[in-house]
Protein backbone atom coordinates (compact mmCIF):
# COMPACT_ATOMS: atom_id res chain seq x y z
CA MET A 1 8.02 102.06 9.97
CA SER A 2 7.25 100.74 13.86
CA ALA A 3 10.33 98.56 13.03
CA HIS A 4 11.60 101.47 13.02
CA ALA A 5 10.58 103.57 15.48
CA ASP A 6 12.02 100.72 18.07
CA THR A 7 15.22 100.35 16.92
CA HIS A 8 15.84 104.33 16.82
CA ALA A 9 13.88 103.70 20.40
CA HIS A 10 16.76 101.30 21.49
CA GLU A 11 19.44 103.55 20.19
CA ASP A 12 17.95 106.16 22.54
CA ASP A 13 17.55 104.06 25.26
CA HIS A 14 21.39 102.94 24.96
CA GLY A 15 22.38 106.98 24.02
CA HIS A 16 20.78 107.87 27.38
CA HIS A 17 23.57 106.77 29.70
CA HIS A 18 26.00 109.05 28.40
CA LYS A 19 26.10 111.95 30.96
CA GLU A 20 25.78 115.12 28.33
CA THR A 21 28.09 118.20 29.37
CA PHE A 22 27.12 121.46 29.11
CA VAL A 23 28.50 122.30 25.42
CA THR A 24 26.53 118.95 24.15
CA LYS A 25 23.50 120.29 25.53
CA TYR A 26 22.52 123.93 25.05
CA ILE A 27 25.06 124.68 22.56
CA PHE A 28 25.85 121.68 20.31
CA SER A 29 22.89 120.33 20.88
CA GLN A 30 21.04 118.07 18.65
CA ASP A 31 17.37 117.36 20.60
CA HIS A 32 15.27 119.43 17.80
CA LYS A 33 13.02 121.16 20.92
CA MET A 34 16.82 122.39 21.91
CA ILE A 35 17.28 123.37 18.29
CA ALA A 36 14.17 125.01 18.30
CA LYS A 37 15.37 127.30 21.45
CA GLN A 38 18.35 127.77 19.88
CA TYR A 39 15.71 129.68 16.74
CA LEU A 40 13.50 130.79 18.49
CA VAL A 41 15.93 133.27 21.42
CA THR A 42 18.33 134.34 17.69
CA GLY A 43 15.35 135.05 15.70
CA THR A 44 14.54 137.55 19.12
CA ILE A 45 17.32 138.98 19.46
CA MET A 46 18.26 140.00 15.65
CA GLY A 47 13.96 140.84 15.98
CA VAL A 48 15.07 143.28 18.26
CA ILE A 49 18.16 144.36 16.63
CA GLY A 50 15.07 145.29 13.56
CA VAL A 51 12.78 146.85 15.26
CA LEU A 52 15.26 149.76 17.04
CA MET A 53 16.26 150.77 13.43
CA SER A 54 12.72 151.03 12.41
CA MET A 55 12.52 153.05 15.53
CA MET A 56 15.49 155.13 13.93
CA PHE A 57 14.33 155.41 10.47
CA ARG A 58 10.74 156.13 11.87
CA MET A 59 12.40 159.47 14.31
CA GLN A 60 13.99 160.08 11.55
CA ILE A 61 10.94 160.31 8.84
CA ALA A 62 8.40 162.15 11.24
CA TRP A 63 10.92 164.87 12.21
CA PRO A 64 13.47 164.95 9.80
CA GLU A 65 16.74 167.21 10.40
CA GLU A 66 16.09 168.50 13.59
CA PRO A 67 19.06 166.58 15.98
CA ASN A 68 18.77 163.72 18.27
CA VAL A 69 20.73 162.88 21.18
CA LEU A 70 19.88 159.00 20.37
CA PHE A 71 21.12 159.53 17.29
CA GLU A 72 24.01 161.51 18.00
CA ALA A 73 25.05 158.45 20.46
CA LEU A 74 24.33 154.98 18.31
CA LEU A 75 24.92 156.09 15.04
CA GLY A 76 28.20 158.38 15.63
CA LYS A 77 29.79 159.84 12.56
CA TRP A 78 26.87 159.07 10.53
CA ALA A 79 24.37 161.78 12.52
CA PRO A 80 26.99 164.56 12.63
CA GLY A 81 25.39 166.89 15.24
CA GLY A 82 22.24 164.14 16.21
CA VAL A 83 21.11 164.72 12.41
CA MET A 84 20.69 161.38 10.34
CA ASP A 85 23.00 161.16 6.91
CA ALA A 86 21.18 160.06 4.40
CA ASP A 87 23.02 157.23 2.97
CA ILE A 88 22.53 155.29 6.94
CA TYR A 89 18.79 156.13 6.84
CA LEU A 90 19.13 153.76 3.41
CA ALA A 91 21.59 151.42 5.44
CA LEU A 92 19.19 150.92 8.17
CA VAL A 93 15.85 150.44 5.84
CA THR A 94 18.06 147.87 4.03
CA ILE A 95 19.03 146.05 6.95
CA HIS A 96 15.81 145.95 8.67
CA GLY A 97 14.75 144.13 5.70
CA THR A 98 16.79 141.77 5.72
CA ILE A 99 16.55 141.19 9.30
CA MET A 100 12.82 141.30 9.50
CA VAL A 101 11.83 139.20 6.70
CA PHE A 102 15.06 136.03 6.99
CA PHE A 103 16.44 136.17 9.99
CA VAL A 104 12.71 136.94 12.68
CA LEU A 105 10.55 135.60 10.17
CA THR A 106 11.72 132.74 8.22
CA ALA A 107 14.25 131.87 10.75
CA GLY A 108 12.93 132.55 13.75
CA LEU A 109 9.38 131.35 12.79
CA SER A 110 10.19 128.46 10.94
CA GLY A 111 13.28 127.92 12.64
CA THR A 112 11.45 127.46 15.91
CA PHE A 113 8.34 125.76 15.13
CA SER A 114 8.51 123.74 12.77
CA ASN A 115 11.75 122.03 14.70
CA LEU A 116 10.02 121.76 18.12
CA LEU A 117 6.35 120.45 16.34
CA ILE A 118 7.36 118.30 13.26
CA PRO A 119 8.71 114.85 15.47
CA LEU A 120 6.24 115.74 18.61
CA GLN A 121 3.58 115.71 16.58
CA ILE A 122 4.34 113.29 13.87
CA GLY A 123 5.11 110.91 16.83
CA ALA A 124 8.53 111.04 16.32
CA ARG A 125 12.31 111.06 18.10
CA ASP A 126 13.70 113.43 16.59
CA MET A 127 14.05 114.47 13.26
CA ALA A 128 15.65 112.28 11.18
CA SER A 129 19.24 113.95 11.06
CA GLY A 130 19.98 115.38 14.81
CA PHE A 131 23.31 116.63 12.71
CA LEU A 132 21.93 118.09 10.10
CA ASN A 133 19.45 120.13 11.77
CA MET A 134 22.78 121.15 14.64
CA VAL A 135 24.55 122.65 11.48
CA SER A 136 21.62 124.27 10.07
CA TYR A 137 21.17 126.08 12.82
CA TRP A 138 24.77 127.06 13.24
CA LEU A 139 25.05 128.37 9.54
CA PHE A 140 22.11 130.44 10.68
CA PHE A 141 23.33 131.48 13.59
CA LEU A 142 26.68 132.21 11.55
CA SER A 143 24.91 133.82 8.76
CA SER A 144 23.23 136.35 11.90
CA VAL A 145 26.40 137.32 13.02
CA ILE A 146 28.05 138.53 9.96
CA MET A 147 25.07 140.60 8.78
CA VAL A 148 25.57 142.36 12.42
CA ILE A 149 29.14 142.64 11.87
CA SER A 150 28.28 144.22 8.61
CA LEU A 151 26.98 147.53 10.33
CA PHE A 152 30.25 148.24 12.33
CA VAL A 153 32.09 148.32 8.54
CA GLU A 154 33.50 151.40 8.09
CA ALA A 155 32.42 152.51 4.93
CA GLY A 156 28.62 151.57 6.27
CA PRO A 157 26.45 148.55 6.05
CA ALA A 158 23.98 147.27 2.59
CA ALA A 159 22.21 150.03 1.51
CA ALA A 160 20.80 149.10 -2.18
CA GLY A 161 17.15 147.98 -0.35
CA TRP A 162 16.64 144.94 1.14
CA THR A 163 15.76 144.03 -2.81
CA ILE A 164 19.56 144.49 -3.28
CA TYR A 165 19.15 145.65 -7.04
CA PRO A 166 21.81 146.86 -9.21
CA PRO A 167 23.31 148.91 -10.01
CA LEU A 168 23.81 150.18 -7.08
CA SER A 169 24.48 146.55 -5.29
CA ALA A 170 26.76 145.15 -7.47
CA LEU A 171 29.03 147.91 -8.62
CA PRO A 172 31.36 148.91 -4.99
CA MET A 173 32.21 152.03 -6.47
CA ALA A 174 28.76 153.16 -6.17
CA GLN A 175 28.44 154.79 -2.35
CA GLY A 176 29.46 154.25 0.25
CA GLY A 177 27.80 150.93 1.45
CA SER A 178 27.49 149.36 -2.03
CA GLY A 179 31.46 148.37 -0.76
CA MET A 180 32.95 145.99 1.84
CA GLY A 181 29.35 146.03 3.66
CA MET A 182 27.47 145.08 0.23
CA THR A 183 30.11 142.09 0.08
CA LEU A 184 29.12 140.84 3.67
CA TRP A 185 25.26 140.80 2.87
CA LEU A 186 26.07 138.61 -0.02
CA VAL A 187 28.06 136.03 2.35
CA SER A 188 25.68 136.44 5.36
CA MET A 189 22.87 135.81 3.20
CA ALA A 190 24.09 132.77 1.02
CA ILE A 191 25.49 130.69 3.96
CA PHE A 192 21.57 132.08 5.21
CA ILE A 193 19.99 129.87 2.41
CA ALA A 194 22.75 127.08 2.84
CA SER A 195 20.92 126.45 6.33
CA SER A 196 17.45 127.41 4.99
CA LEU A 197 18.29 124.52 2.45
CA LEU A 198 19.38 122.09 5.26
CA GLY A 199 16.68 122.44 7.25
CA SER A 200 13.56 122.33 4.49
CA LEU A 201 15.06 119.09 3.77
CA ASN A 202 15.70 117.30 6.93
CA TYR A 203 12.31 118.92 7.54
CA ILE A 204 10.50 116.98 4.85
CA VAL A 205 12.09 113.88 4.87
CA THR A 206 11.33 113.30 8.64
CA VAL A 207 7.09 114.27 8.02
CA ILE A 208 7.26 111.31 4.89
CA ASN A 209 9.45 109.00 6.62
CA LEU A 210 8.93 109.39 10.51
CA ARG A 211 5.27 108.96 11.29
CA THR A 212 4.29 107.12 13.91
CA LYS A 213 1.90 103.86 13.03
CA GLY A 214 -1.84 105.23 12.21
CA MET A 215 -0.92 108.63 10.92
CA SER A 216 -1.52 108.98 7.68
CA MET A 217 -1.08 112.67 5.72
CA THR A 218 -4.62 113.12 6.17
CA ARG A 219 -4.43 112.99 10.26
CA LEU A 220 -1.61 115.39 10.18
CA PRO A 221 -2.45 118.79 11.87
CA LEU A 222 -2.84 121.57 10.05
CA THR A 223 1.37 122.82 11.35
CA ILE A 224 2.29 120.22 9.81
CA TRP A 225 1.18 120.29 6.85
CA ALA A 226 2.24 123.73 6.79
CA PHE A 227 5.76 123.07 7.43
CA PHE A 228 5.78 120.19 4.95
CA ILE A 229 4.62 122.66 2.19
CA THR A 230 6.95 125.56 3.95
CA ALA A 231 10.20 123.39 3.33
CA VAL A 232 9.15 122.07 -0.23
CA ILE A 233 8.36 125.80 -1.59
CA GLY A 234 11.94 126.48 0.30
CA VAL A 235 13.90 123.94 -1.35
CA ILE A 236 12.46 124.65 -5.12
CA SER A 237 12.82 128.41 -4.95
CA PHE A 238 15.57 129.34 -1.90
CA PRO A 239 18.21 128.07 -4.66
CA VAL A 240 17.40 130.66 -7.56
CA LEU A 241 18.24 133.16 -4.91
CA LEU A 242 21.38 131.64 -4.06
CA SER A 243 22.00 131.87 -8.00
CA ALA A 244 21.47 135.56 -8.22
CA ALA A 245 23.72 136.63 -4.95
CA LEU A 246 26.51 134.25 -6.34
CA LEU A 247 26.24 136.00 -10.03
CA LEU A 248 25.97 139.61 -7.98
CA ILE A 249 29.21 138.51 -6.37
CA MET A 250 30.46 137.99 -9.52
CA ASP A 251 30.02 140.97 -11.21
CA ARG A 252 31.77 142.44 -8.32
CA SER A 253 34.34 141.19 -7.24
CA PHE A 254 35.37 139.01 -11.20
CA GLY A 255 34.75 141.76 -13.86
CA THR A 256 31.20 139.50 -15.10
CA SER A 257 28.06 141.61 -16.41
CA PHE A 258 26.01 139.18 -15.96
CA PHE A 259 23.75 142.46 -14.21
CA LEU A 260 25.38 145.80 -16.04
CA SER A 261 25.01 147.30 -18.85
CA ASP A 262 26.53 150.41 -20.34
CA ILE A 263 27.01 152.32 -17.17
CA PHE A 264 28.28 155.72 -16.55
CA ILE A 265 29.97 157.15 -13.29
CA GLN A 266 30.36 160.96 -13.09
CA GLY A 267 30.64 160.92 -17.50
CA GLU A 268 33.27 157.75 -17.54
CA VAL A 269 32.26 155.17 -19.54
CA LEU A 270 32.96 151.24 -17.15
CA HIS A 271 33.68 148.43 -19.39
CA TYR A 272 30.66 146.47 -18.07
CA GLN A 273 28.29 145.60 -21.36
CA GLY A 274 25.47 142.86 -22.10
CA GLY A 275 23.62 142.39 -18.87
CA SER A 276 20.78 143.42 -17.40
CA PRO A 277 19.48 144.69 -13.96
CA VAL A 278 16.00 143.48 -14.26
CA LEU A 279 17.15 139.78 -14.95
CA PHE A 280 18.42 140.55 -11.58
CA GLU A 281 14.37 141.26 -10.30
CA HIS A 282 13.35 137.88 -12.05
CA LEU A 283 15.82 136.00 -9.80
CA PHE A 284 15.06 137.95 -6.83
CA TRP A 285 11.65 137.65 -7.14
CA PHE A 286 11.59 134.07 -7.82
CA LEU A 287 12.61 133.44 -4.78
CA GLY A 288 10.58 136.95 -3.04
CA HIS A 289 7.14 135.87 -3.39
CA PRO A 290 7.40 132.08 -2.19
CA GLU A 291 9.07 133.62 0.24
CA VAL A 292 5.96 135.83 1.55
CA TYR A 293 4.47 132.43 1.70
CA ILE A 294 7.46 130.87 3.70
CA VAL A 295 6.64 133.39 5.98
CA ILE A 296 3.54 133.18 6.36
CA LEU A 297 2.30 129.26 5.41
CA PRO A 298 3.72 128.75 9.19
CA ALA A 299 1.73 130.94 10.71
CA MET A 300 -1.50 129.87 9.27
CA GLY A 301 -0.22 126.31 10.32
CA LEU A 302 0.12 127.37 14.49
CA VAL A 303 -2.74 129.89 13.55
CA SER A 304 -5.41 127.17 12.42
CA GLU A 305 -3.91 124.51 15.24
CA ILE A 306 -4.50 126.72 18.08
CA MET A 307 -8.01 128.16 16.61
CA ALA A 308 -9.27 124.80 16.76
CA SER A 309 -7.76 124.06 20.57
CA ASN A 310 -9.58 127.42 21.87
CA SER A 311 -12.25 127.50 20.02
CA ARG A 312 -13.84 123.79 21.75
CA LYS A 313 -14.59 123.29 18.20
CA PRO A 314 -13.45 120.67 14.81
CA ILE A 315 -11.07 123.48 12.89
CA PHE A 316 -13.97 124.22 9.77
CA GLY A 317 -12.77 122.60 6.52
CA TYR A 318 -9.64 120.79 7.15
CA ARG A 319 -9.14 119.16 3.39
CA ALA A 320 -9.84 122.03 2.18
CA MET A 321 -7.46 124.09 4.25
CA ILE A 322 -5.10 121.29 3.06
CA ALA A 323 -6.30 122.29 -0.32
CA SER A 324 -5.78 126.01 0.19
CA ILE A 325 -1.97 125.32 1.21
CA LEU A 326 -1.97 123.10 -1.81
CA ALA A 327 -2.97 125.71 -4.00
CA ILE A 328 -1.08 128.99 -2.32
CA ALA A 329 2.21 126.38 -2.93
CA PHE A 330 2.19 126.27 -6.52
CA LEU A 331 0.44 129.86 -7.02
CA SER A 332 3.58 131.73 -4.70
CA THR A 333 6.00 130.24 -7.37
CA ILE A 334 3.84 131.94 -10.50
CA VAL A 335 3.17 134.85 -9.04
CA TRP A 336 6.65 136.85 -9.27
CA GLY A 337 5.87 139.48 -11.58
CA HIS A 338 3.70 141.52 -10.03
CA HIS A 339 6.64 143.15 -8.64
CA MET A 340 7.85 144.50 -11.63
CA PHE A 341 5.18 146.41 -13.51
CA VAL A 342 6.90 149.06 -13.35
CA SER A 343 10.18 147.62 -15.08
CA GLY A 344 8.89 148.19 -18.32
CA MET A 345 7.75 144.44 -18.58
CA ASN A 346 5.36 143.51 -21.82
CA PRO A 347 1.90 144.71 -21.17
CA PHE A 348 0.90 140.85 -22.06
CA LEU A 349 2.92 139.76 -19.74
CA GLY A 350 2.04 141.90 -17.04
CA SER A 351 -1.79 141.07 -17.70
CA VAL A 352 -0.32 137.12 -17.29
CA PHE A 353 1.13 138.00 -13.72
CA THR A 354 -2.26 140.24 -13.01
CA PHE A 355 -4.48 136.83 -14.03
CA THR A 356 -2.54 134.48 -11.33
CA THR A 357 -1.65 137.13 -9.13
CA LEU A 358 -5.40 137.25 -8.42
CA LEU A 359 -6.11 133.70 -8.68
CA ILE A 360 -4.22 133.01 -4.80
CA ALA A 361 -7.27 135.22 -3.48
CA ILE A 362 -9.29 132.08 -3.53
CA PRO A 363 -7.14 129.62 -1.86
CA SER A 364 -6.43 133.07 0.83
CA ALA A 365 -10.20 133.04 1.11
CA VAL A 366 -11.16 129.72 1.71
CA LYS A 367 -8.71 129.88 4.65
CA ALA A 368 -9.99 133.30 5.97
CA PHE A 369 -13.37 132.39 5.48
CA ASN A 370 -12.82 128.92 7.52
CA TRP A 371 -11.12 130.47 10.70
CA ILE A 372 -13.87 132.61 10.80
CA THR A 373 -16.07 129.49 10.71
CA THR A 374 -14.22 127.88 13.31
CA LEU A 375 -14.60 130.59 15.54
CA TRP A 376 -18.35 130.43 14.72
CA LYS A 377 -20.78 129.48 17.36
CA GLY A 378 -17.43 127.85 19.51
CA ASN A 379 -16.99 128.05 22.74
CA LEU A 380 -14.10 130.62 22.77
CA GLN A 381 -10.97 130.61 25.79
CA MET A 382 -9.18 134.31 25.43
CA ASN A 383 -6.06 133.77 26.30
CA PRO A 384 -3.25 135.65 24.89
CA ALA A 385 -2.36 132.79 22.30
CA MET A 386 -6.15 132.86 21.12
CA LEU A 387 -5.61 136.83 21.09
CA PHE A 388 -3.10 136.68 18.87
CA SER A 389 -4.71 134.08 16.60
CA ILE A 390 -7.64 136.50 16.29
CA GLY A 391 -5.43 139.15 15.13
CA PHE A 392 -3.92 137.09 12.70
CA VAL A 393 -6.87 137.07 10.42
CA SER A 394 -7.57 140.49 10.67
CA THR A 395 -4.09 141.86 9.38
CA PHE A 396 -4.41 138.22 6.66
CA ILE A 397 -7.86 140.53 5.70
CA THR A 398 -7.04 143.80 6.02
CA GLY A 399 -3.47 143.73 4.51
CA GLY A 400 -4.74 140.99 1.77
CA LEU A 401 -7.89 143.62 0.17
CA THR A 402 -4.77 145.83 -0.57
CA GLY A 403 -3.45 143.02 -2.65
CA ILE A 404 -6.27 143.02 -4.85
CA ILE A 405 -4.89 146.32 -6.16
CA LEU A 406 -1.58 145.94 -5.76
CA GLY A 407 -1.81 142.52 -8.03
CA ASP A 408 -3.57 144.27 -10.92
CA SER A 409 -0.75 146.26 -13.37
CA ALA A 410 -3.56 148.94 -14.00
CA LEU A 411 -4.31 149.55 -10.86
CA ASP A 412 0.50 148.85 -9.71
CA ILE A 413 1.70 150.97 -11.05
CA ASN A 414 0.29 154.48 -9.68
CA VAL A 415 1.07 153.29 -6.21
CA HIS A 416 3.72 151.12 -6.83
CA ASP A 417 6.72 151.81 -4.11
CA THR A 418 4.31 154.59 -2.38
CA TYR A 419 3.46 153.84 1.09
CA PHE A 420 0.52 151.96 0.55
CA VAL A 421 3.46 149.12 -0.59
CA VAL A 422 4.66 149.52 2.37
CA ALA A 423 1.47 149.62 4.28
CA HIS A 424 -0.14 146.26 2.29
CA PHE A 425 3.35 144.02 3.32
CA HIS A 426 3.59 144.60 6.91
CA LEU A 427 0.02 144.50 7.48
CA VAL A 428 -0.62 141.31 5.48
CA MET A 429 3.15 139.47 5.67
CA GLY A 430 4.96 141.66 8.65
CA ILE A 431 2.11 141.82 11.22
CA SER A 432 0.46 138.70 9.83
CA ALA A 433 3.47 136.17 10.58
CA LEU A 434 5.36 138.10 14.05
CA TYR A 435 0.99 137.68 14.94
CA GLY A 436 1.01 134.04 14.48
CA MET A 437 4.55 133.49 15.87
CA PHE A 438 3.65 135.54 19.40
CA ALA A 439 -0.02 133.62 19.27
CA GLY A 440 2.90 129.97 19.07
CA ILE A 441 5.27 131.07 21.58
CA TYR A 442 1.98 131.37 23.29
CA HIS A 443 0.50 128.47 22.97
CA TRP A 444 3.77 126.19 23.04
CA TYR A 445 5.89 128.10 25.78
CA PRO A 446 4.47 125.30 28.33
CA LYS A 447 6.13 122.73 26.07
CA MET A 448 9.61 123.97 24.78
CA PHE A 449 9.91 125.36 28.96
CA GLY A 450 7.44 123.89 30.72
CA LYS A 451 6.28 126.88 32.41
CA MET A 452 3.57 128.77 31.81
CA LEU A 453 3.55 132.79 31.17
CA ASN A 454 2.20 135.60 32.51
CA LYS A 455 -1.44 135.55 31.10
CA ASN A 456 -2.01 139.42 31.99
CA LEU A 457 1.56 140.53 30.08
CA GLY A 458 -0.06 138.75 27.46
CA TYR A 459 -2.81 140.67 27.36
CA ILE A 460 -1.53 144.11 27.49
CA HIS A 461 0.95 142.86 25.56
CA PHE A 462 -1.36 142.25 22.75
CA TRP A 463 -3.81 145.32 22.63
CA ILE A 464 -1.16 147.94 22.37
CA THR A 465 0.52 145.48 19.91
CA ALA A 466 -2.95 145.61 18.00
CA VAL A 467 -4.13 149.47 18.19
CA CYS A 468 -0.54 150.62 17.58
CA ALA A 469 0.01 147.86 14.59
CA TYR A 470 -2.70 149.70 12.68
CA GLY A 471 -1.95 152.68 14.17
CA VAL A 472 1.22 152.25 12.29
CA PHE A 473 0.18 150.71 9.47
CA PHE A 474 -3.60 151.46 8.53
CA PRO A 475 -2.82 155.58 8.02
CA MET A 476 -0.05 154.04 5.63
CA HIS A 477 -2.80 153.41 3.04
CA PHE A 478 -3.89 157.00 2.40
CA ILE A 479 -0.72 159.05 2.27
CA GLY A 480 0.43 156.14 -0.39
CA MET A 481 -2.18 157.06 -2.38
CA ALA A 482 -1.54 160.45 -2.03
CA GLY A 483 1.45 159.62 -3.81
CA LEU A 484 5.16 159.47 -0.59
CA PRO A 485 7.16 157.81 -1.62
CA ARG A 486 9.09 155.14 -0.34
CA ARG A 487 12.55 155.77 0.98
CA TYR A 488 13.46 158.78 1.42
CA TYR A 489 14.81 160.50 4.12
CA THR A 490 13.28 163.30 3.89
CA ASN A 491 10.09 165.01 2.24
CA SER A 492 10.81 168.49 3.34
CA ASN A 493 11.90 169.58 0.03
CA PHE A 494 8.83 168.43 -2.11
CA PRO A 495 5.84 170.92 -1.14
CA LEU A 496 3.44 168.91 -2.37
CA PHE A 497 3.87 166.61 0.93
CA ASP A 498 4.30 169.30 3.33
CA ASP A 499 0.38 168.48 4.28
CA LEU A 500 1.28 164.49 5.48
CA ALA A 501 4.47 165.64 7.44
CA ASN A 502 2.01 165.54 10.98
CA VAL A 503 0.63 162.26 9.09
CA ASN A 504 4.22 161.16 10.08
CA VAL A 505 4.31 162.44 13.05
CA ILE A 506 1.35 160.17 14.60
CA ILE A 507 2.58 156.62 12.35
CA THR A 508 5.96 157.56 14.66
CA ILE A 509 4.01 157.92 17.75
CA PHE A 510 2.87 154.96 17.24
CA ALA A 511 5.60 152.63 15.91
CA LEU A 512 7.15 154.22 19.15
CA ILE A 513 4.59 152.71 21.41
CA GLY A 514 3.85 149.75 19.77
CA GLY A 515 8.10 149.38 20.22
CA ALA A 516 8.19 150.18 23.23
CA VAL A 517 5.51 146.82 24.56
CA GLN A 518 7.87 144.32 23.07
CA ILE A 519 9.44 145.19 26.37
CA VAL A 520 6.77 143.62 28.07
CA TYR A 521 6.56 140.35 26.14
CA LEU A 522 10.79 139.83 26.43
CA TYR A 523 10.02 140.54 30.21
CA ASN A 524 7.17 137.74 30.66
CA PHE A 525 9.53 135.69 28.24
CA PHE A 526 13.08 135.60 29.89
CA SER A 527 11.46 135.86 33.22
CA SER A 528 8.77 133.15 33.18
CA ILE A 529 11.47 130.23 32.22
CA PHE A 530 13.08 130.95 35.74
CA PHE A 531 10.08 131.96 37.79
CA GLY A 532 6.90 131.15 35.95
CA LYS A 533 4.16 128.80 37.63
CA LYS A 534 5.00 125.43 36.38
CA ALA A 535 3.43 123.84 33.39
CA THR A 536 0.69 120.81 33.31
CA GLN A 537 1.95 117.96 30.71
CA ASN A 538 -1.47 119.16 28.67
CA PRO A 539 -2.41 122.59 29.69
CA TRP A 540 -4.74 123.97 26.64
CA LYS A 541 -6.61 120.69 27.18
CA SER A 542 -5.45 119.75 23.34
CA THR A 543 -5.80 116.72 20.95
CA THR A 544 -2.20 116.58 19.29
CA LEU A 545 0.31 114.04 20.41
CA GLU A 546 2.75 116.68 21.74
CA TRP A 547 0.49 116.90 24.75
CA THR A 548 1.42 113.31 25.51
CA ALA A 549 4.89 113.67 26.21
CA PRO A 550 5.65 114.14 29.59
CA VAL A 551 6.71 118.05 30.14
CA GLU A 552 10.63 117.33 31.29
CA HIS A 553 12.56 117.44 27.89
CA MET A 554 13.69 114.39 27.01
CA HIS A 555 16.42 112.59 24.45
CA GLY A 556 13.37 110.79 22.44
CA ASN A 557 10.32 112.58 23.66
CA TRP A 558 8.52 109.47 24.73
CA PRO A 559 9.27 107.26 27.45
CA GLY A 560 8.71 103.70 26.74
CA ASP A 561 6.83 103.39 23.15
CA ILE A 562 5.96 106.02 20.73
CA PRO A 563 1.57 106.43 21.41
CA HIS A 564 -0.08 105.29 17.87
CA VAL A 565 -2.76 106.95 16.28
CA TYR A 566 -6.67 106.78 15.84
CA ARG A 567 -8.07 109.66 14.68
CA TRP A 568 -7.82 113.03 13.04
CA ALA A 569 -6.27 116.00 14.99
CA TYR A 570 -9.50 117.83 15.56
CA ASP A 571 -11.60 116.08 18.16
CA TYR A 572 -13.09 118.37 20.07
CA SER A 573 -16.70 118.98 21.80
CA LYS A 574 -17.04 115.00 20.05
CA PRO A 575 -20.45 113.38 21.01
CA GLY A 576 -20.24 110.49 22.68
CA HIS A 577 -16.98 111.45 25.10
CA ASP A 578 -17.49 112.78 28.27
CA VAL A 579 -14.69 115.58 27.79
CA ASP A 580 -14.76 118.33 25.80
CA PHE A 581 -11.32 116.24 23.76
CA VAL A 582 -10.02 113.09 22.84
CA PRO A 583 -6.32 113.00 21.78
CA GLN A 584 -5.20 111.51 18.60
CA ASN A 585 -3.91 108.11 20.76
CA ILE A 586 -7.31 107.44 21.95
CA PRO A 587 -8.42 104.36 19.79
CA LEU A 588 -12.01 104.27 18.38
CA LYS A 589 -15.11 103.29 21.17
CA GLU A 590 -16.83 100.41 19.40
CA GLY A 591 -19.20 101.81 17.07
CA GLU A 592 -17.64 105.42 16.82
CA GLU A 593 -16.91 107.03 13.15
CA GLU A 594 -13.71 108.44 12.80
CA LEU A 595 -14.04 112.27 11.62
CA GLN A 596 -12.68 113.59 8.82
CA HIS A 597 -13.66 117.00 7.56
């Protein structure tokens, strides 16, 4: 391994003499640190689009059929007289879900931090294949562009929900958004999956093959374990969605009927027969549920690292944390049926999926208890990264508790497709993953850009975001239990729900404030690149290898030899040392025992 690393170092020194142009450094870069920034900036732009969409459809739900100047300006013919059309409402919900789940929380979170941290934390010069890494990013960029282009199709963007169930997504004549907009959605997702698979294979090979001398699997930081297992889940489950997308394209364009059977449109019998839309549900959710963990596991890894660093304590239960990541990864692939309890599933099969779903609460609870125990009696440094990490634990627990209700088939049937489900998955997956992403950005920003973010703006960003997140999603549990269905662009036709109208207004006000405060974060992020305080090499006094690399970026990460590793990643406040952190590359003293929790 070290011979390979030395050869790599020699090649890198040899290549360093070539003068880089703007194009090779910033656009077609093969340096993992630059690619991480490209993922982050692209994911941020997509996130802004996704959040703007959510604010628009929240205004529609709060004040239905009231003219809105903003709608008229942004939606044009889809909002005649400033009143939002029902079709475009469904399209906004569809594209919002797609962008946030795939383009922000999958690629933006995992793509950014896997690229940034895997080589730096395992002691590698770069990814196993810099070229494939570059191709992976550009495929992601291309899929993002196609998804945005689909918003401007004349008949309208895809409008079948982010789960794109047939027949609505399979029949181009079903509605406006089922035409070209839906085709572009499928093309975009096929390219996105290719990008994810290339990235995942690269991450797996890098972690297995390029660890520096002494970096055994049990000395890896929990971040690397999380990224590694996330990549494994992606390689197993993403191809299934690709097959579903390709079969759907065949149904739409080539007359097959994988997902269609006995379709009537205005009394006319279509020629499709023999297919099953439930088959599509199985294929979609076989990716769709592991996707939840592809989103949340990287955030769990980042939060574990940040909590240990800012508690000045070793992470509690290191091996139990690894075991729980492995258990979550395995169980996540055998619980997809809980999304389909109302699809006519055999009750016995429903009880099997209920059992496996409730089982996944055990490793999740192990992680939650270990985070809380890491915080217990620690010397807590309450910087913005730490606050977002604690916020992550809070939303993960509150959102996870409602998952116990939805995981039980007898209870789920009563609240399925109501706002209760929206509240659950936004808290446990959406907000939690975003908190993990923000925590990671605040913590590793000095490593990415060599500058510090403004801490006071970070506090403003956290507290207003935290209050608004609960202000939006906590009341949704109650309107969901009252029976309010999701994805209806207005509820004014149902007198039953008149009493809930005021709650929807409150939710929308919180959503608008929470969306607006992200401007503070964006200002902090982009202005600090140019005007932020210069970062020191190890501003948080952390123990992992990335903080041993110089602040100035260079190909190969370390000048000279790659540091060797002599201890695990969490030697904080260890007795017998003068300082409260001992980096992994410091040899053990005579008689010192290596900790392994």
